Amino acid sequence: MVFSTIILGWLGILIFLIIIFMLQRMIKSKEYAFLHFLMAIMYSLWLPLPIILFFMIDSDVLLVGTVFGSVYLIFLVIGMVLQTGHLAFIIKHNENGAITDSHRNYMMAT
């Protein structure tokens, strides 16, 4: 279990590095949905880390950190998936131009 968590953690770091080095290129080609999808995968790969850390060290103080860390990562994954769906919806249903650039920019700023 610990070995698989280490592998998942390093895969998440690898995706993080891919995002860092490819960010400007993805922004130029307006690949916002793919960027959010990559972040959702990265955060989901990090989900077992607080739980495994708690079981390895077994401290009462880490119980609070495990709960808040897990909830935080779950919220991040849910948020990234919702943003990916929203961006994909905008792209798919905007043939007539009803969704303006200001609405899309507002979503990205939020």
N, C-alpha and C. Protein backbone atom coordinates (compact mmCIF):
# COMPACT_ATOMS: atom_id res chain seq x y z
N MET A 1 0.82 -1.19 0.00
CA MET A 1 0.00 0.00 0.00
C MET A 1 0.87 1.26 0.00
N VAL A 2 1.92 1.26 0.80
CA VAL A 2 2.79 2.42 0.87
C VAL A 2 3.53 2.60 -0.46
N PHE A 3 3.97 1.50 -1.06
CA PHE A 3 4.71 1.59 -2.31
C PHE A 3 3.83 2.15 -3.43
N SER A 4 2.58 1.70 -3.49
CA SER A 4 1.68 2.23 -4.53
C SER A 4 1.35 3.70 -4.29
N THR A 5 1.27 4.12 -3.03
CA THR A 5 1.04 5.52 -2.72
C THR A 5 2.23 6.37 -3.13
N ILE A 6 3.43 5.85 -2.95
CA ILE A 6 4.63 6.58 -3.37
C ILE A 6 4.64 6.73 -4.90
N ILE A 7 4.27 5.68 -5.60
CA ILE A 7 4.22 5.75 -7.07
C ILE A 7 3.17 6.76 -7.51
N LEU A 8 1.98 6.73 -6.89
CA LEU A 8 0.94 7.69 -7.24
C LEU A 8 1.37 9.12 -6.93
N GLY A 9 2.05 9.31 -5.82
CA GLY A 9 2.54 10.64 -5.47
C GLY A 9 3.53 11.17 -6.49
N TRP A 10 4.46 10.32 -6.92
CA TRP A 10 5.43 10.75 -7.92
C TRP A 10 4.78 10.98 -9.28
N LEU A 11 3.75 10.20 -9.62
CA LEU A 11 3.02 10.46 -10.86
C LEU A 11 2.32 11.82 -10.80
N GLY A 12 1.78 12.15 -9.63
CA GLY A 12 1.17 13.47 -9.45
C GLY A 12 2.19 14.58 -9.59
N ILE A 13 3.38 14.39 -9.06
CA ILE A 13 4.45 15.38 -9.22
C ILE A 13 4.86 15.49 -10.68
N LEU A 14 4.90 14.37 -11.39
CA LEU A 14 5.23 14.39 -12.82
C LEU A 14 4.19 15.18 -13.61
N ILE A 15 2.91 14.98 -13.31
CA ILE A 15 1.86 15.76 -13.97
C ILE A 15 1.98 17.24 -13.62
N PHE A 16 2.34 17.54 -12.37
CA PHE A 16 2.56 18.92 -11.95
C PHE A 16 3.67 19.56 -12.76
N LEU A 17 4.77 18.84 -12.97
CA LEU A 17 5.87 19.37 -13.78
C LEU A 17 5.47 19.55 -15.23
N ILE A 18 4.66 18.64 -15.75
CA ILE A 18 4.16 18.79 -17.12
C ILE A 18 3.32 20.05 -17.23
N ILE A 19 2.48 20.29 -16.23
CA ILE A 19 1.66 21.50 -16.24
C ILE A 19 2.53 22.75 -16.19
N ILE A 20 3.56 22.74 -15.35
CA ILE A 20 4.44 23.92 -15.24
C ILE A 20 5.12 24.21 -16.56
N PHE A 21 5.68 23.20 -17.20
CA PHE A 21 6.45 23.43 -18.41
C PHE A 21 5.58 23.64 -19.65
N MET A 22 4.33 23.19 -19.63
CA MET A 22 3.46 23.32 -20.79
C MET A 22 2.37 24.38 -20.60
N LEU A 23 2.40 25.13 -19.50
CA LEU A 23 1.33 26.05 -19.18
C LEU A 23 1.16 27.14 -20.23
N GLN A 24 2.24 27.79 -20.60
CA GLN A 24 2.13 28.87 -21.59
C GLN A 24 1.62 28.36 -22.94
N ARG A 25 2.07 27.20 -23.32
CA ARG A 25 1.62 26.62 -24.60
C ARG A 25 0.13 26.27 -24.53
N MET A 26 -0.33 25.73 -23.40
CA MET A 26 -1.75 25.39 -23.27
C MET A 26 -2.61 26.64 -23.21
N ILE A 27 -2.11 27.70 -22.59
CA ILE A 27 -2.88 28.94 -22.53
C ILE A 27 -2.97 29.58 -23.91
N LYS A 28 -1.87 29.54 -24.68
CA LYS A 28 -1.91 30.10 -26.03
C LYS A 28 -2.91 29.37 -26.92
N SER A 29 -2.98 28.05 -26.79
CA SER A 29 -3.92 27.28 -27.61
C SER A 29 -5.28 27.13 -26.95
N LYS A 30 -5.50 27.82 -25.83
CA LYS A 30 -6.77 27.86 -25.11
C LYS A 30 -7.26 26.47 -24.72
N GLU A 31 -6.37 25.68 -24.17
CA GLU A 31 -6.69 24.33 -23.70
C GLU A 31 -7.00 24.36 -22.20
N TYR A 32 -7.95 25.20 -21.80
CA TYR A 32 -8.26 25.35 -20.39
C TYR A 32 -8.92 24.09 -19.81
N ALA A 33 -9.78 23.45 -20.58
CA ALA A 33 -10.44 22.24 -20.09
C ALA A 33 -9.43 21.13 -19.87
N PHE A 34 -8.48 20.97 -20.78
CA PHE A 34 -7.46 19.95 -20.61
C PHE A 34 -6.57 20.25 -19.41
N LEU A 35 -6.28 21.52 -19.18
CA LEU A 35 -5.49 21.93 -18.02
C LEU A 35 -6.20 21.58 -16.72
N HIS A 36 -7.49 21.86 -16.65
CA HIS A 36 -8.25 21.51 -15.45
C HIS A 36 -8.38 20.00 -15.29
N PHE A 37 -8.49 19.29 -16.39
CA PHE A 37 -8.55 17.83 -16.33
C PHE A 37 -7.24 17.26 -15.79
N LEU A 38 -6.10 17.80 -16.24
CA LEU A 38 -4.81 17.35 -15.71
C LEU A 38 -4.69 17.64 -14.22
N MET A 39 -5.16 18.80 -13.79
CA MET A 39 -5.10 19.13 -12.36
C MET A 39 -6.01 18.21 -11.55
N ALA A 40 -7.17 17.85 -12.08
CA ALA A 40 -8.06 16.93 -11.37
C ALA A 40 -7.40 15.57 -11.21
N ILE A 41 -6.72 15.09 -12.25
CA ILE A 41 -6.01 13.82 -12.15
C ILE A 41 -4.87 13.92 -11.14
N MET A 42 -4.14 15.03 -11.18
CA MET A 42 -3.01 15.22 -10.26
C MET A 42 -3.48 15.18 -8.80
N TYR A 43 -4.55 15.92 -8.50
CA TYR A 43 -5.05 15.94 -7.13
C TYR A 43 -5.63 14.59 -6.72
N SER A 44 -6.26 13.89 -7.64
CA SER A 44 -6.80 12.57 -7.28
C SER A 44 -5.68 11.56 -7.02
N LEU A 45 -4.54 11.73 -7.68
CA LEU A 45 -3.41 10.85 -7.40
C LEU A 45 -2.84 11.11 -6.01
N TRP A 46 -3.00 12.31 -5.50
CA TRP A 46 -2.49 12.66 -4.17
C TRP A 46 -3.47 12.35 -3.05
N LEU A 47 -4.67 11.88 -3.36
CA LEU A 47 -5.67 11.60 -2.32
C LEU A 47 -5.21 10.61 -1.24
N PRO A 48 -4.50 9.52 -1.56
CA PRO A 48 -4.13 8.59 -0.49
C PRO A 48 -2.99 9.08 0.41
N LEU A 49 -2.31 10.15 0.04
CA LEU A 49 -1.14 10.58 0.81
C LEU A 49 -1.44 10.93 2.28
N PRO A 50 -2.47 11.74 2.60
CA PRO A 50 -2.71 12.04 4.01
C PRO A 50 -3.10 10.80 4.82
N ILE A 51 -3.82 9.89 4.21
CA ILE A 51 -4.27 8.69 4.93
C ILE A 51 -3.08 7.77 5.24
N ILE A 52 -2.22 7.56 4.26
CA ILE A 52 -1.05 6.70 4.47
C ILE A 52 -0.10 7.33 5.48
N LEU A 53 0.07 8.66 5.41
CA LEU A 53 0.93 9.33 6.38
C LEU A 53 0.40 9.15 7.79
N PHE A 54 -0.92 9.23 7.95
CA PHE A 54 -1.52 9.03 9.27
C PHE A 54 -1.28 7.61 9.77
N PHE A 55 -1.45 6.61 8.91
CA PHE A 55 -1.25 5.23 9.34
C PHE A 55 0.21 4.91 9.62
N MET A 56 1.12 5.59 8.92
CA MET A 56 2.54 5.32 9.15
C MET A 56 3.02 5.93 10.47
N ILE A 57 2.59 7.15 10.77
CA ILE A 57 3.08 7.83 11.98
C ILE A 57 2.16 7.59 13.17
N ASP A 58 0.85 7.46 12.93
CA ASP A 58 -0.15 7.13 13.95
C ASP A 58 -0.10 8.10 15.13
N SER A 59 -0.39 9.35 14.83
CA SER A 59 -0.43 10.39 15.85
C SER A 59 -1.81 11.02 15.87
N ASP A 60 -2.25 11.43 17.07
CA ASP A 60 -3.57 12.06 17.17
C ASP A 60 -3.61 13.41 16.47
N VAL A 61 -2.49 14.10 16.46
CA VAL A 61 -2.44 15.40 15.79
C VAL A 61 -2.62 15.21 14.29
N LEU A 62 -2.07 14.14 13.74
CA LEU A 62 -2.20 13.89 12.31
C LEU A 62 -3.61 13.49 11.90
N LEU A 63 -4.44 13.07 12.85
CA LEU A 63 -5.82 12.74 12.52
C LEU A 63 -6.54 13.97 11.98
N VAL A 64 -6.35 15.10 12.63
CA VAL A 64 -6.98 16.35 12.18
C VAL A 64 -6.43 16.73 10.81
N GLY A 65 -5.12 16.63 10.62
CA GLY A 65 -4.51 16.94 9.33
C GLY A 65 -4.97 16.00 8.24
N THR A 66 -5.17 14.74 8.58
CA THR A 66 -5.64 13.76 7.60
C THR A 66 -7.05 14.08 7.15
N VAL A 67 -7.91 14.42 8.10
CA VAL A 67 -9.30 14.73 7.75
C VAL A 67 -9.34 15.99 6.89
N PHE A 68 -8.69 17.06 7.35
CA PHE A 68 -8.73 18.30 6.58
C PHE A 68 -8.00 18.18 5.25
N GLY A 69 -6.89 17.46 5.23
CA GLY A 69 -6.16 17.27 3.98
C GLY A 69 -6.95 16.47 2.97
N SER A 70 -7.60 15.42 3.43
CA SER A 70 -8.42 14.61 2.52
C SER A 70 -9.62 15.38 1.99
N VAL A 71 -10.28 16.12 2.88
CA VAL A 71 -11.44 16.92 2.46
C VAL A 71 -11.00 18.00 1.47
N TYR A 72 -9.85 18.63 1.74
CA TYR A 72 -9.33 19.66 0.84
C TYR A 72 -9.04 19.09 -0.55
N LEU A 73 -8.39 17.93 -0.60
CA LEU A 73 -8.09 17.32 -1.88
C LEU A 73 -9.35 16.89 -2.62
N ILE A 74 -10.34 16.39 -1.88
CA ILE A 74 -11.61 16.01 -2.50
C ILE A 74 -12.29 17.25 -3.09
N PHE A 75 -12.29 18.36 -2.34
CA PHE A 75 -12.87 19.60 -2.87
C PHE A 75 -12.13 20.09 -4.11
N LEU A 76 -10.81 19.96 -4.12
CA LEU A 76 -10.04 20.36 -5.30
C LEU A 76 -10.40 19.51 -6.51
N VAL A 77 -10.52 18.20 -6.32
CA VAL A 77 -10.88 17.31 -7.43
C VAL A 77 -12.28 17.65 -7.94
N ILE A 78 -13.22 17.84 -7.04
CA ILE A 78 -14.59 18.18 -7.45
C ILE A 78 -14.61 19.52 -8.19
N GLY A 79 -13.88 20.50 -7.67
CA GLY A 79 -13.83 21.81 -8.32
C GLY A 79 -13.23 21.76 -9.71
N MET A 80 -12.14 21.01 -9.86
CA MET A 80 -11.51 20.90 -11.18
C MET A 80 -12.41 20.16 -12.17
N VAL A 81 -13.10 19.14 -11.71
CA VAL A 81 -14.01 18.40 -12.60
C VAL A 81 -15.18 19.29 -13.02
N LEU A 82 -15.72 20.07 -12.08
CA LEU A 82 -16.81 20.97 -12.44
C LEU A 82 -16.36 22.04 -13.43
N GLN A 83 -15.16 22.58 -13.23
CA GLN A 83 -14.65 23.58 -14.16
C GLN A 83 -14.38 22.97 -15.53
N THR A 84 -13.88 21.74 -15.55
CA THR A 84 -13.66 21.06 -16.83
C THR A 84 -14.98 20.88 -17.56
N GLY A 85 -16.00 20.43 -16.85
CA GLY A 85 -17.31 20.26 -17.46
C GLY A 85 -17.90 21.57 -17.95
N HIS A 86 -17.71 22.63 -17.17
CA HIS A 86 -18.22 23.93 -17.57
C HIS A 86 -17.53 24.43 -18.84
N LEU A 87 -16.22 24.28 -18.89
CA LEU A 87 -15.48 24.73 -20.06
C LEU A 87 -15.82 23.89 -21.29
N ALA A 88 -15.98 22.59 -21.10
CA ALA A 88 -16.37 21.74 -22.23
C ALA A 88 -17.78 22.08 -22.71
N PHE A 89 -18.67 22.42 -21.79
CA PHE A 89 -20.03 22.83 -22.16
C PHE A 89 -20.01 24.12 -22.97
N ILE A 90 -19.18 25.08 -22.54
CA ILE A 90 -19.08 26.35 -23.27
C ILE A 90 -18.58 26.11 -24.69
N ILE A 91 -17.58 25.27 -24.83
CA ILE A 91 -17.02 25.01 -26.16
C ILE A 91 -18.02 24.30 -27.05
N LYS A 92 -18.74 23.33 -26.48
CA LYS A 92 -19.66 22.52 -27.29
C LYS A 92 -20.91 23.29 -27.69
N HIS A 93 -21.43 24.14 -26.82
CA HIS A 93 -22.72 24.79 -27.06
C HIS A 93 -22.61 26.27 -27.41
N ASN A 94 -21.50 26.67 -27.98
CA ASN A 94 -21.34 28.08 -28.30
C ASN A 94 -21.15 28.30 -29.79
N GLU A 95 -21.88 27.56 -30.62
CA GLU A 95 -21.76 27.75 -32.05
C GLU A 95 -22.36 29.09 -32.50
N ASN A 96 -23.43 29.53 -31.84
CA ASN A 96 -24.08 30.77 -32.25
C ASN A 96 -23.50 32.00 -31.55
N GLY A 97 -22.52 31.83 -30.69
CA GLY A 97 -21.86 32.96 -30.03
C GLY A 97 -22.67 33.56 -28.89
N ALA A 98 -23.61 32.78 -28.32
CA ALA A 98 -24.43 33.30 -27.23
C ALA A 98 -23.63 33.52 -25.96
N ILE A 99 -22.62 32.70 -25.76
CA ILE A 99 -21.75 32.85 -24.58
C ILE A 99 -20.59 33.75 -25.00
N THR A 100 -20.52 34.90 -24.41
CA THR A 100 -19.52 35.88 -24.84
C THR A 100 -18.17 35.59 -24.19
N ASP A 101 -17.16 36.29 -24.67
CA ASP A 101 -15.82 36.14 -24.11
C ASP A 101 -15.76 36.64 -22.67
N SER A 102 -16.58 37.63 -22.34
CA SER A 102 -16.56 38.13 -20.97
C SER A 102 -17.06 37.08 -19.99
N HIS A 103 -18.05 36.27 -20.40
CA HIS A 103 -18.53 35.19 -19.54
C HIS A 103 -17.46 34.12 -19.36
N ARG A 104 -16.77 33.79 -20.44
CA ARG A 104 -15.70 32.78 -20.35
C ARG A 104 -14.55 33.30 -19.50
N ASN A 105 -14.17 34.55 -19.68
CA ASN A 105 -13.07 35.12 -18.89
C ASN A 105 -13.46 35.22 -17.42
N TYR A 106 -14.74 35.49 -17.14
CA TYR A 106 -15.19 35.53 -15.75
C TYR A 106 -15.06 34.17 -15.10
N MET A 107 -15.38 33.12 -15.83
CA MET A 107 -15.26 31.77 -15.28
C MET A 107 -13.80 31.43 -15.01
N MET A 108 -12.90 31.80 -15.91
CA MET A 108 -11.48 31.49 -15.72
C MET A 108 -10.91 32.30 -14.56
N ALA A 109 -11.38 33.53 -14.37
CA ALA A 109 -10.90 34.36 -13.26
C ALA A 109 -11.42 33.85 -11.93
N THR A 110 -12.60 33.25 -11.94
CA THR A 110 -13.17 32.74 -10.70
C THR A 110 -12.43 31.51 -10.26
